[in-house]
Amino acid sequence: MIESRRHFLKVAAGTAAVAAVAGIMPRLARAADLPHLSPSDGTAQALGYVEDNTKTSNPKHKAGDDCSNCQFYQGKAGAAWGPCQLFPGKDVSAKGWCVSHQPKA
C-alpha cells in the first residue's frame, strides 16, 4: 500500500512539473515572435511614437529620452526591440519615443 502511494505521488509530481513547463513554453515562444510596432499604427500615431527618438520634433521630448529608459518598456537591456505596456502584443524600438514616456525610477 505504501509503495503504490509513493508511486502515485512520484507520477503526480512529474505530471505537475511537465504541465508547468508546457504552460510556460508557449508564452516564451510568443514573446520572441512579437511584430514590430509600425509608426503608422493608430495607437502609435495617437501617442506620437517614432522609431528613432532623434527624429521627433515634439516639444515634450527631452534629450536622452527613449523607450529603453521608459518605465513602460519591458525589453532586455541592450536589445534593439522589446515589448511595451502601452502597445500590447507589439515590440517597440529601444531607440524609439512616444508622448507617454516616463523615466524609470
Protein backbone atom coordinates (compact mmCIF):
# COMPACT_ATOMS: atom_id res chain seq x y z
CA MET A 1 0.00 0.00 0.00
CA ILE A 2 2.79 2.44 0.86
CA GLU A 3 4.66 1.64 -2.38
CA SER A 4 1.60 2.38 -4.51
CA ARG A 5 1.08 5.68 -2.69
CA ARG A 6 4.73 6.64 -3.29
CA HIS A 7 4.43 5.67 -6.94
CA PHE A 8 1.27 7.77 -7.28
CA LEU A 9 2.96 10.78 -5.66
CA LYS A 10 6.00 10.47 -7.94
CA VAL A 11 3.82 10.26 -11.04
CA ALA A 12 1.65 13.17 -9.86
CA ALA A 13 4.70 15.35 -9.16
CA GLY A 14 6.22 14.52 -12.54
CA THR A 15 2.95 15.27 -14.31
CA ALA A 16 2.63 18.60 -12.49
CA ALA A 17 6.20 19.56 -13.46
CA VAL A 18 5.61 18.70 -17.11
CA ALA A 19 2.34 20.64 -17.12
CA ALA A 20 4.05 23.69 -15.59
CA VAL A 21 6.83 23.66 -18.18
CA ALA A 22 4.35 23.09 -21.01
CA GLY A 23 2.34 26.08 -19.80
CA ILE A 24 5.40 28.36 -19.73
CA MET A 25 6.89 27.39 -23.08
CA PRO A 26 4.15 28.81 -25.32
CA ARG A 27 4.34 32.17 -23.52
CA LEU A 28 8.11 32.34 -24.02
CA ALA A 29 7.78 31.46 -27.69
CA ARG A 30 5.11 34.11 -28.25
CA ALA A 31 7.20 36.83 -26.58
CA ALA A 32 10.02 36.23 -29.04
CA ASP A 33 7.67 36.44 -32.03
CA LEU A 34 6.08 39.84 -31.40
CA PRO A 35 5.73 42.01 -34.51
CA HIS A 36 7.41 45.40 -34.55
CA LEU A 37 5.15 48.37 -33.94
CA SER A 38 4.66 50.44 -37.07
CA PRO A 39 4.62 54.23 -36.71
CA SER A 40 1.50 54.13 -38.93
CA ASP A 41 -0.39 52.06 -36.31
CA GLY A 42 -3.38 54.00 -34.94
CA THR A 43 -2.25 53.85 -31.31
CA ALA A 44 1.31 54.70 -32.30
CA GLN A 45 0.10 57.78 -34.16
CA ALA A 46 -2.11 58.84 -31.25
CA LEU A 47 0.87 58.68 -28.90
CA GLY A 48 3.33 60.27 -31.34
CA TYR A 49 5.52 57.14 -31.47
CA VAL A 50 8.68 57.32 -33.56
CA GLU A 51 11.21 54.53 -34.06
CA ASP A 52 14.12 56.97 -33.71
CA ASN A 53 13.81 59.47 -30.87
CA THR A 54 16.22 61.88 -32.56
CA LYS A 55 13.71 62.38 -35.38
CA THR A 56 10.84 63.75 -33.32
CA SER A 57 10.01 67.44 -33.26
CA ASN A 58 7.53 67.04 -30.39
CA PRO A 59 8.19 69.70 -27.74
CA LYS A 60 7.56 67.14 -24.95
CA HIS A 61 10.66 65.17 -25.97
CA LYS A 62 13.73 65.74 -23.81
CA ALA A 63 17.26 64.89 -24.86
CA GLY A 64 18.14 61.35 -23.81
CA ASP A 65 14.54 60.15 -23.58
CA ASP A 66 13.92 56.90 -25.44
CA CYS A 67 11.94 53.72 -24.99
CA SER A 68 14.84 51.84 -23.38
CA ASN A 69 14.79 54.18 -20.36
CA CYS A 70 10.99 54.36 -20.01
CA GLN A 71 9.13 52.61 -17.20
CA PHE A 72 6.68 51.05 -19.67
CA TYR A 73 9.42 49.39 -21.77
CA GLN A 74 9.92 45.72 -20.89
CA GLY A 75 12.71 44.79 -23.27
CA LYS A 76 16.02 43.39 -22.13
CA ALA A 77 18.96 45.73 -21.64
CA GLY A 78 20.87 46.12 -24.89
CA ALA A 79 18.07 44.68 -27.05
CA ALA A 80 17.15 46.66 -30.17
CA TRP A 81 13.42 45.91 -29.75
CA GLY A 82 11.23 44.96 -26.82
CA PRO A 83 7.66 44.84 -25.54
CA CYS A 84 5.95 47.94 -24.16
CA GLN A 85 2.96 48.03 -21.82
CA LEU A 86 1.40 50.80 -23.91
CA PHE A 87 1.43 48.72 -27.10
CA PRO A 88 0.39 45.18 -26.09
CA GLY A 89 1.36 42.46 -28.50
CA LYS A 90 3.97 44.61 -30.28
CA ASP A 91 7.68 45.28 -29.89
CA VAL A 92 8.89 48.88 -29.91
CA SER A 93 12.30 50.18 -30.87
CA ALA A 94 14.58 50.69 -27.87
CA LYS A 95 15.63 53.95 -29.54
CA GLY A 96 12.01 54.98 -30.09
CA TRP A 97 9.92 57.51 -28.17
CA CYS A 98 6.29 58.49 -27.55
CA VAL A 99 4.49 61.22 -25.60
CA SER A 100 3.75 58.80 -22.74
CA HIS A 101 7.45 58.41 -21.91
CA GLN A 102 8.04 58.15 -18.15
CA PRO A 103 11.64 57.81 -16.95
CA LYS A 104 12.41 54.68 -14.96
CA ALA A 105 12.63 55.35 -11.24
